[in-house]
Protein backbone atom coordinates (compact mmCIF):
# COMPACT_ATOMS: atom_id res chain seq x y z
CA MET A 1 99.39 67.76 95.85
CA LEU A 2 102.61 68.19 97.86
CA ARG A 3 101.76 71.83 98.44
CA ARG A 4 98.31 70.93 99.74
CA LEU A 5 99.64 68.26 102.09
CA THR A 6 102.24 70.69 103.41
CA PHE A 7 99.57 73.28 104.04
CA LEU A 8 97.30 70.84 105.84
CA LEU A 9 100.17 69.71 108.04
CA ALA A 10 100.97 73.32 108.92
CA ALA A 11 97.31 74.00 109.68
CA ASN A 12 97.17 71.05 112.07
CA CYS A 13 100.15 72.44 113.95
CA ALA A 14 98.64 75.96 114.20
CA TRP A 15 95.03 75.33 115.14
CA ALA A 16 95.31 74.88 118.89
CA GLY A 17 94.61 77.64 121.37
CA ILE A 18 92.03 79.80 119.59
CA TRP A 19 89.10 79.15 121.94
CA PRO A 20 89.60 79.79 125.68
CA ASP A 21 88.78 77.17 128.32
CA THR A 22 86.04 79.40 129.72
CA TRP A 23 84.19 82.28 128.13
CA HIS A 24 81.42 84.39 129.64
CA GLY A 25 80.63 81.72 132.20
CA SER A 26 80.56 78.87 129.67
CA LYS A 27 83.05 76.01 129.82
CA ARG A 28 84.66 74.48 126.76
CA LEU A 29 83.73 70.81 126.48
CA SER A 30 85.80 69.94 123.42
CA SER A 31 87.67 71.46 120.49
CA ALA A 32 89.06 70.24 117.19
CA PRO A 33 90.75 71.71 114.12
CA ILE A 34 88.69 72.63 111.07
CA GLN A 35 89.91 71.31 107.75
CA PRO A 36 88.94 73.74 104.96
CA GLU A 37 87.11 72.07 102.08
CA ASP A 38 89.14 74.13 99.60
CA ALA A 39 92.71 74.24 100.93
CA MET A 40 93.96 76.33 98.02
CA LEU A 41 91.30 78.98 98.59
CA TRP A 42 92.16 79.02 102.31
CA ALA A 43 95.82 79.51 101.49
CA GLU A 44 95.09 82.22 98.91
CA TYR A 45 93.06 84.20 101.43
CA GLY A 46 95.86 83.97 103.98
CA GLY A 47 94.40 81.39 106.35
CA GLU A 48 96.47 80.71 109.47
CA ALA A 49 94.40 78.60 111.87
CA ALA A 50 90.86 77.27 112.30
CA GLU A 51 89.16 75.61 115.27
CA ARG A 52 85.69 74.48 116.30
CA ALA A 53 84.70 74.22 119.96
CA LEU A 54 81.69 73.06 121.95
CA TYR A 55 80.66 75.07 125.03
CA ASP A 56 78.15 74.59 127.81
CA GLY A 57 77.12 77.15 130.41
CA PRO A 58 74.43 79.59 131.53
CA VAL A 59 73.34 80.29 127.93
CA GLY A 60 73.06 76.57 127.18
CA ARG A 61 75.11 74.41 124.89
CA PHE A 62 76.42 75.98 121.69
CA ALA A 63 79.08 75.42 119.03
CA ALA A 64 81.62 78.05 118.01
CA SER A 65 83.93 78.02 115.00
CA ALA A 66 86.79 80.43 114.37
CA TRP A 67 88.98 81.03 111.34
CA ARG A 68 92.06 83.25 111.73
CA LEU A 69 93.55 84.87 108.64
CA GLN A 70 96.44 87.20 107.99
CA ASP A 71 94.38 90.40 107.77
CA ALA A 72 90.86 91.78 107.66
CA THR A 73 90.69 91.68 103.85
CA GLY A 74 91.34 87.94 103.82
CA ALA A 75 88.83 87.50 106.65
CA LEU A 76 86.13 89.28 104.66
CA ALA A 77 86.91 87.19 101.59
CA TRP A 78 86.68 83.96 103.62
CA TYR A 79 83.47 85.11 105.27
CA GLN A 80 81.81 85.69 101.91
CA ALA A 81 82.94 82.30 100.62
CA ALA A 82 82.18 80.25 103.75
CA ARG A 83 78.95 81.72 105.16
CA PRO A 84 75.82 79.54 105.09
CA PRO A 85 73.67 80.09 101.98
CA LYS A 86 70.61 81.09 104.03
CA CYS A 87 72.43 83.40 106.43
CA THR A 88 70.50 86.68 106.57
CA PRO A 89 72.73 89.79 106.35
CA VAL A 90 72.55 92.17 109.29
CA ARG A 91 71.18 95.55 108.26
CA GLY A 92 73.92 98.11 107.80
CA SER A 93 76.74 95.56 107.96
CA LEU A 94 78.82 94.06 105.16
CA ALA A 95 80.44 91.44 107.38
CA SER A 96 77.81 89.79 109.58
CA CYS A 97 74.72 87.65 109.10
CA VAL A 98 72.34 85.64 111.26
CA THR A 99 70.85 82.17 111.03
CA PRO A 100 68.03 80.72 113.16
CA GLY A 101 69.76 80.71 116.54
CA GLY A 102 73.19 81.53 115.12
CA LEU A 103 75.51 84.33 114.06
CA MET A 104 78.46 84.68 111.68
CA LEU A 105 80.66 87.76 111.55
CA VAL A 106 84.08 89.19 110.78
CA ARG A 107 86.08 90.66 113.67
CA LEU A 108 89.36 92.13 112.40
CA ASN A 109 91.30 89.16 110.97
CA TYR A 110 88.93 86.56 112.46
CA VAL A 111 85.74 84.97 111.14
CA PHE A 112 83.43 83.60 113.84
CA LEU A 113 80.43 81.30 113.49
CA PHE A 114 78.16 80.63 116.47
CA GLU A 115 75.51 77.93 116.36
CA GLY A 116 72.94 77.77 119.13
CA TRP A 117 73.68 81.21 120.60
CA ARG A 118 74.13 84.79 119.42
CA PRO A 119 76.65 86.60 121.63
CA LEU A 120 76.16 90.30 122.32
CA PRO A 121 78.79 92.95 121.49
CA ARG A 122 80.15 93.03 125.05
CA GLU A 123 80.55 89.25 124.97
CA LEU A 124 82.37 89.49 121.65
CA ASP A 125 84.65 92.15 123.14
CA GLU A 126 85.46 89.74 125.96
CA LEU A 127 86.32 87.06 123.40
CA ALA A 128 88.46 89.46 121.39
CA ARG A 129 90.67 90.12 124.41
CA THR A 130 91.59 86.43 124.58
CA ALA A 131 91.79 85.55 120.87
CA PRO A 132 95.45 85.04 119.92
CA ALA A 133 97.02 87.15 117.17
CA MET A 134 93.94 89.29 116.56
CA ARG A 135 94.93 92.21 114.35
CA SER A 136 93.45 94.53 111.76
CA GLY A 137 95.95 94.60 108.93
CA GLY A 138 94.45 97.79 107.54
CA GLY A 139 90.78 97.22 108.26
CA LEU A 140 88.00 96.01 105.99
CA PRO A 141 88.24 97.04 102.32
CA TYR A 142 85.85 99.62 100.88
CA LEU A 143 85.30 97.72 97.64
CA PRO A 144 82.29 95.62 98.79
CA GLY A 145 80.37 98.83 99.44
CA TYR A 146 80.33 99.58 95.70
CA LEU A 147 78.08 96.65 94.92
CA PRO A 148 74.54 97.91 94.29
CA GLU A 149 71.95 96.91 96.87
CA LYS A 150 69.09 96.83 94.39
CA GLY A 151 68.85 93.45 92.70
CA LEU A 152 71.82 91.93 94.53
CA VAL A 153 71.31 88.20 95.03
CA ARG A 154 71.62 87.43 98.72
CA ASN A 155 75.01 86.00 99.75
CA SER A 156 76.29 85.98 96.17
CA GLU A 157 79.17 88.33 97.00
CA ARG A 158 82.68 86.93 96.57
CA TYR A 159 85.92 88.79 97.22
CA LEU A 160 88.71 87.61 94.93
CA LEU A 161 92.39 87.92 95.80
CA GLY A 162 94.09 85.51 93.41
CA VAL A 163 93.90 83.18 90.47
CA HIS A 164 92.27 80.29 92.32
CA SER A 165 89.35 82.36 93.66
CA LEU A 166 88.99 83.91 90.20
CA GLN A 167 88.69 80.51 88.54
CA LYS A 168 86.32 79.29 91.25
CA PHE A 169 83.90 82.21 91.34
CA LEU A 170 84.45 84.16 88.12
CA PRO A 171 85.68 81.64 85.52
CA TRP A 172 84.78 83.78 82.49
CA VAL A 173 87.53 86.31 83.41
CA PRO A 174 90.97 85.25 82.08
CA ALA A 175 93.64 85.35 84.77
CA SER A 176 95.99 87.02 82.28
CA VAL A 177 93.87 90.19 82.19
CA ALA A 178 92.65 90.28 85.81
CA GLY A 179 95.76 92.08 87.05
CA PHE A 180 96.58 90.19 90.24
CA GLU A 181 100.25 90.58 89.47
CA ASP A 182 99.70 94.34 89.88
CA GLY A 183 97.87 94.00 93.18
CA ALA A 184 94.31 93.99 91.84
CA GLU A 185 91.38 93.01 94.04
CA ILE A 186 87.92 92.06 92.82
CA GLN A 187 84.48 92.21 94.39
CA ALA A 188 82.03 90.00 92.51
CA GLY A 189 78.34 89.34 92.96
CA LYS A 190 75.22 88.35 91.12
CA LEU A 191 72.56 90.89 90.14
CA GLU A 192 69.01 90.19 89.12
CA LEU A 193 68.58 91.79 85.70
CA GLY A 194 65.15 91.09 84.37
CA ALA A 195 64.34 87.40 84.67
CA THR A 196 67.96 86.24 85.04
CA ALA A 197 70.85 86.68 87.47
CA ALA A 198 74.09 87.91 85.93
CA ASP A 199 77.64 88.11 87.25
CA TYR A 200 78.88 91.59 88.10
CA ALA A 201 82.50 92.31 88.99
CA ILE A 202 84.24 95.45 90.22
CA PHE A 203 88.03 95.54 89.87
CA TYR A 204 90.14 97.76 92.08
CA PHE A 205 93.58 98.93 90.94
CA HIS A 206 96.10 100.96 92.91
CA THR A 207 96.45 103.83 90.42
CA PRO A 208 94.12 105.41 87.84
CA GLN A 209 96.81 104.91 85.18
CA LEU A 210 96.74 101.14 85.74
CA ALA A 211 92.95 101.17 85.77
CA ARG A 212 92.97 102.97 82.42
CA ILE A 213 95.27 100.34 80.93
CA LYS A 214 93.09 97.52 82.26
CA GLU A 215 89.96 99.19 80.97
CA ALA A 216 91.39 99.13 77.46
CA GLN A 217 92.22 95.42 77.82
CA PHE A 218 88.73 94.64 79.14
CA ARG A 219 87.06 96.38 76.22
CA LYS A 220 88.92 94.07 73.85
CA GLN A 221 87.21 91.05 75.41
CA PRO A 222 84.28 89.94 73.20
CA GLY A 223 80.91 90.88 74.61
CA TRP A 224 82.12 92.51 77.83
CA LEU A 225 80.31 95.63 79.10
CA VAL A 226 82.81 97.91 80.85
CA LYS A 227 82.73 101.12 82.91
CA ARG A 228 85.67 102.82 84.65
CA SER A 229 85.52 105.30 87.49
CA TYR A 230 88.98 106.46 88.57
CA VAL A 231 90.62 103.32 90.05
CA LEU A 232 87.53 101.09 89.67
CA VAL A 233 86.56 99.12 86.59
CA ALA A 234 83.15 97.40 86.52
CA VAL A 235 82.42 94.55 84.13
CA PHE A 236 79.42 92.51 82.97
CA PRO A 237 80.06 89.23 81.10
CA PRO A 238 78.95 88.48 77.53
CA GLY A 239 75.26 87.89 77.03
CA VAL A 240 73.96 90.54 79.44
CA PRO A 241 71.53 92.95 77.71
CA GLU A 242 73.16 96.36 77.47
CA ASN A 243 69.95 98.22 78.29
CA LEU A 244 69.73 96.37 81.63
CA ALA A 245 73.43 96.66 82.46
CA LYS A 246 73.81 100.35 81.59
CA PRO A 247 71.97 101.79 84.64
CA VAL A 248 74.16 99.67 86.94
CA LEU A 249 77.36 100.71 85.24
CA ASP A 250 76.38 104.37 85.14
CA ALA A 251 75.80 104.32 88.90
CA LEU A 252 79.41 103.32 89.63
CA GLU A 253 81.23 106.32 91.05
CA TRP A 254 84.53 106.34 92.91
CA LYS A 255 84.22 108.06 96.29
CA ALA A 256 87.61 109.38 97.26
CA GLU A 257 88.41 110.20 100.87
CA VAL A 258 91.01 112.96 101.00
CA VAL A 259 92.68 114.38 104.08
CA ARG A 260 94.19 117.79 103.34
CA ASN A 261 96.16 120.09 105.61
CA GLU A 262 95.11 123.71 105.18
CA ALA A 263 96.65 126.90 106.56
CA THR A 264 94.55 128.39 109.31
CA ALA A 265 94.17 132.06 110.27
CA PRO A 266 97.23 133.47 112.09
CA PRO A 267 96.86 133.87 115.83
CA PRO A 268 95.92 137.37 117.06
CA VAL A 269 98.69 139.81 117.99
CA PRO A 270 99.34 139.78 121.76
CA ASN A 271 97.85 142.76 123.65
CA VAL A 272 100.99 144.12 125.29
CA ALA A 273 99.20 147.05 126.93
CA GLY A 274 96.64 144.74 128.46
CA LEU A 275 99.39 142.43 129.66
CA LEU A 276 101.22 145.31 131.42
CA LEU A 277 97.98 146.56 132.94
CA GLY A 278 97.30 143.09 134.27
CA ILE A 279 100.78 142.93 135.80
CA PHE A 280 100.25 146.30 137.57
CA LYS A 281 96.86 145.14 138.87
CA LEU A 282 98.32 141.93 140.20
CA THR A 283 101.20 143.83 141.83
CA GLY A 284 98.74 146.21 143.50
CA VAL A 285 96.65 143.34 144.83
CA LEU A 286 99.74 141.66 146.26
CA LEU A 287 100.85 144.95 147.91
CA LEU A 288 97.42 145.39 149.48
CA ILE A 289 97.53 141.85 150.82
CA CYS A 290 100.99 142.40 152.30
CA ILE A 291 100.09 145.79 153.87
CA GLY A 292 96.78 144.49 155.19
CA GLY A 293 98.42 141.40 156.63
CA GLY A 294 101.12 143.53 158.28
CA ALA A 295 98.55 145.89 159.77
CA ILE A 296 96.53 143.03 161.22
CA PHE A 297 99.67 141.49 162.72
CA ALA A 298 100.71 144.85 164.24
CA PHE A 299 97.24 145.34 165.73
CA PHE A 300 97.22 141.99 167.48
CA ALA A 301 100.85 142.45 168.60
CA ALA A 302 99.91 145.78 170.21
CA LEU A 303 96.98 144.17 172.04
CA ALA A 304 99.26 141.44 173.36
CA ARG A 305 101.76 144.05 174.59
CA ARG A 306 99.13 146.05 176.45
CA ARG A 307 97.92 142.86 178.12
CA ARG A 308 101.45 142.06 179.37
CA VAL A 309 101.89 145.57 180.74
CA ARG A 310 98.59 145.32 182.59
CA LEU A 311 99.45 141.95 184.11
CA TYR A 312 103.16 142.24 184.81
CA GLY A 313 103.80 145.95 184.87
CA ASN A 314 106.29 145.77 182.01
CA ASP A 315 106.53 144.31 178.64
CA ASP A 316 110.05 143.01 178.96
CA HIS A 317 110.30 139.48 177.64
CA TYR A 318 113.30 138.70 179.84
CA ILE A 319 113.74 138.43 183.64
CA VAL A 320 116.95 140.13 184.67
CA VAL A 321 118.52 139.26 188.04
CA ARG A 322 121.17 141.70 189.20
CA ILE A 323 123.72 140.65 191.76
CA ASP A 324 125.58 143.63 193.20
């Protein structure tokens, strides 16, 4: 209880200043802190500040809520846990959904919810330039992309980062075998298998050796159906028919992204003869320019001299006065 009160006090001190006074022509009418319903989950996901504001402007009146977390992974986890049940996922996106007249999305370490207006990307970019302490923290995790699209119950995804979220969303998994002490992360969801919806969880471990150890521990759990692919271990709970779970497990395949430096072909040998020939050509061109320029100057100098002789009878540049 003391820990929760301390957290709430800290949240009250950190909430101010997320939403700007004006944004895209709209003026902020009011703002207030958001108190998370589950303070322990908020703390486990790395929550820092949360604020709800009311705006009015050219697009009308709308409400905007913002949750700031430590990194993008925590933001994705909070988005999955806090999004409205009937929010329709945006095609091709794992971190945005729309409601009638509203939008919820993840932007780096922020989660935004707009009610009454759906801002466009350029308007979100304008907001991002003013949002305090916006940072990536490594970007969104790849693990949610391993959930199968076929049969996935809408908005059932939950990203688990600790014991509390595990007990809240996946209570049949003992915390002692989950592996959070070794840095494990879990993407859970519900799949429609036949006439029922079953839990499905994918565990991510940092090394294949650790994943192999955890796989052996998972297989000792009564009734669990387990499949490992490199650093991923997928699990179905007891009671799921094996013939329905097997196609899902067989489809799990780790997709590694490797960047490798390879030796390229050596550069061609310099053409020394061609280089010397180019030098001689350049020298010849410069000599021609100099000779031609000198000849032109001499020609015009001779014309000027003849003109002086014709006018003055001599071409002497000086007037000499002799006093005898």
